[in-house]
Every structure is written in structure tokens, then in C-alpha cells.
Amino acid sequence: MIQVTFYILALIFFFTITLMYLRDGMEGFNNKINVTEIMNGQAFKVLSNGKELKLSKKCPHQGCNVDWNQKEGKFICPCHQSTFDNQGNLLKGPATTGLKKL
């Protein structure tokens, strides 16, 4: 009887720890980035990790309007292919700075 009780308690403990691990691991995975255009299409509002950020749509290279690429999770300038992460930080030039934060 003691062995059966111990076995059941061990299983409950194992499944509890497993579920906690999966929940914590999936939290970041399920956190989607929501990007919407604001200010008559002149800027982006980025919602990520419960925080809001507003970014200019103008590429700092030559002023073209960048586009949000949901599949790749980054902003891409259609003119010269400068790329920026979801926080507006520069990933690849020819731009030399990130998107302007508003």
C-alpha cells in the first residue's frame, strides 16, 4: 500500500512539474507581435510582451515607407532592402540607424 501511494504521488509530482515547464516554455512562443498602422499610415504601433511601441514608417536611409513582414517578423524597406527588427533596431543596411521611435 505504501509503494502504491508513493508511486501515485511521484506521478502527480512529475505531471505537475511537466505542466509547469510546458506552460512557462509556451508563454514566449504564444506571445504574438501585433503591428498596426497608425497616424494615417505614417507610423506603426507595435504590441509585444504587453508593451506598446510607436515607430516611424520612414526608412532612415532615404525616407521610403517600410513594410511589416509578419512571416519574417521584421520591417523591410522595399526600396533598398534595409531590415529592422520588431523594435525598430537595424538588422541590415544600407540604412545606418534604426527606425525612429515616436
Protein backbone atom coordinates (compact mmCIF):
# COMPACT_ATOMS: atom_id res chain seq x y z
CA MET A 1 0.00 0.00 0.00
CA ILE A 2 2.83 2.41 0.84
CA GLN A 3 4.51 1.68 -2.50
CA VAL A 4 1.29 2.37 -4.43
CA THR A 5 0.79 5.66 -2.58
CA PHE A 6 4.39 6.66 -3.23
CA TYR A 7 4.01 5.76 -6.92
CA ILE A 8 0.83 7.84 -7.27
CA LEU A 9 2.42 10.83 -5.51
CA ALA A 10 5.50 10.56 -7.74
CA LEU A 11 3.29 10.57 -10.86
CA ILE A 12 1.34 13.61 -9.64
CA PHE A 13 4.60 15.43 -8.89
CA PHE A 14 6.06 14.51 -12.29
CA PHE A 15 3.00 15.70 -14.21
CA THR A 16 2.77 18.90 -12.17
CA ILE A 17 6.41 19.78 -12.92
CA THR A 18 5.96 18.84 -16.59
CA LEU A 19 2.88 21.03 -16.97
CA MET A 20 4.62 23.97 -15.26
CA TYR A 21 7.60 23.59 -17.60
CA LEU A 22 5.41 23.41 -20.70
CA ARG A 23 3.32 26.41 -19.60
CA ASP A 24 6.40 28.56 -18.98
CA GLY A 25 8.06 27.44 -22.21
CA MET A 26 4.98 28.09 -24.32
CA GLU A 27 4.39 31.55 -22.84
CA GLY A 28 7.04 33.15 -25.06
CA PHE A 29 6.04 31.01 -28.03
CA ASN A 30 2.41 32.10 -27.89
CA ASN A 31 3.26 35.76 -27.44
CA LYS A 32 2.43 37.22 -30.82
CA ILE A 33 3.61 40.55 -32.06
CA ASN A 34 0.79 42.76 -33.22
CA VAL A 35 1.73 45.52 -35.66
CA THR A 36 -0.81 48.05 -36.93
CA GLU A 37 -0.51 51.22 -38.95
CA ILE A 38 -1.46 54.45 -37.18
CA MET A 39 -1.41 58.19 -37.88
CA ASN A 40 -2.93 57.83 -41.37
CA GLY A 41 -0.33 55.23 -42.35
CA GLN A 42 2.68 57.32 -41.23
CA ALA A 43 3.68 55.12 -38.29
CA PHE A 44 3.38 51.67 -36.75
CA LYS A 45 2.08 50.67 -33.33
CA VAL A 46 3.84 47.52 -32.12
CA LEU A 47 2.37 45.47 -29.25
CA SER A 48 4.85 42.93 -27.88
CA ASN A 49 5.19 41.38 -24.42
CA GLY A 50 2.38 43.62 -23.20
CA LYS A 51 4.32 46.76 -24.15
CA GLU A 52 3.40 49.32 -26.78
CA LEU A 53 5.90 50.99 -29.07
CA LYS A 54 5.32 53.52 -31.83
CA LEU A 55 7.73 53.62 -34.76
CA SER A 56 8.03 55.89 -37.76
CA LYS A 57 7.30 54.20 -41.05
CA LYS A 58 10.08 56.15 -42.79
CA CYS A 59 13.31 54.31 -43.51
CA PRO A 60 16.26 56.37 -42.21
CA HIS A 61 18.21 55.61 -45.40
CA GLN A 62 16.21 57.59 -47.97
CA GLY A 63 12.75 58.01 -46.48
CA CYS A 64 10.85 55.18 -48.18
CA ASN A 65 7.97 53.66 -46.21
CA VAL A 66 8.94 50.33 -44.67
CA ASP A 67 6.55 47.39 -44.61
CA TRP A 68 5.92 44.91 -41.80
CA ASN A 69 6.60 41.32 -42.86
CA GLN A 70 4.57 39.17 -40.47
CA LYS A 71 6.06 35.90 -41.71
CA GLU A 72 9.65 37.01 -41.10
CA GLY A 73 8.78 39.14 -38.07
CA LYS A 74 10.63 42.24 -39.24
CA PHE A 75 10.24 45.53 -41.07
CA ILE A 76 11.64 45.64 -44.60
CA CYS A 77 12.24 48.69 -46.77
CA PRO A 78 11.08 47.96 -50.33
CA CYS A 79 13.50 50.48 -51.87
CA HIS A 80 16.91 49.17 -50.79
CA GLN A 81 16.06 46.20 -48.52
CA SER A 82 17.14 47.65 -45.18
CA THR A 83 15.65 45.46 -42.46
CA PHE A 84 14.66 46.22 -38.87
CA ASP A 85 13.52 44.01 -36.00
CA ASN A 86 10.13 44.35 -34.32
CA GLN A 87 11.55 47.03 -32.01
CA GLY A 88 12.85 49.13 -34.92
CA ASN A 89 16.51 48.21 -34.42
CA LEU A 90 18.61 47.98 -37.58
CA LEU A 91 19.34 44.43 -38.74
CA LYS A 92 20.75 45.07 -42.21
CA GLY A 93 21.62 48.23 -44.20
CA PRO A 94 22.16 50.28 -46.27
CA ALA A 95 20.42 52.27 -43.52
CA THR A 96 22.84 53.10 -40.69
CA THR A 97 20.32 53.64 -37.87
CA GLY A 98 17.09 52.04 -36.68
CA LEU A 99 13.55 53.29 -37.18
CA LYS A 100 12.69 56.46 -35.29
CA LYS A 101 10.73 55.87 -32.09
CA LEU A 102 7.77 58.20 -31.63
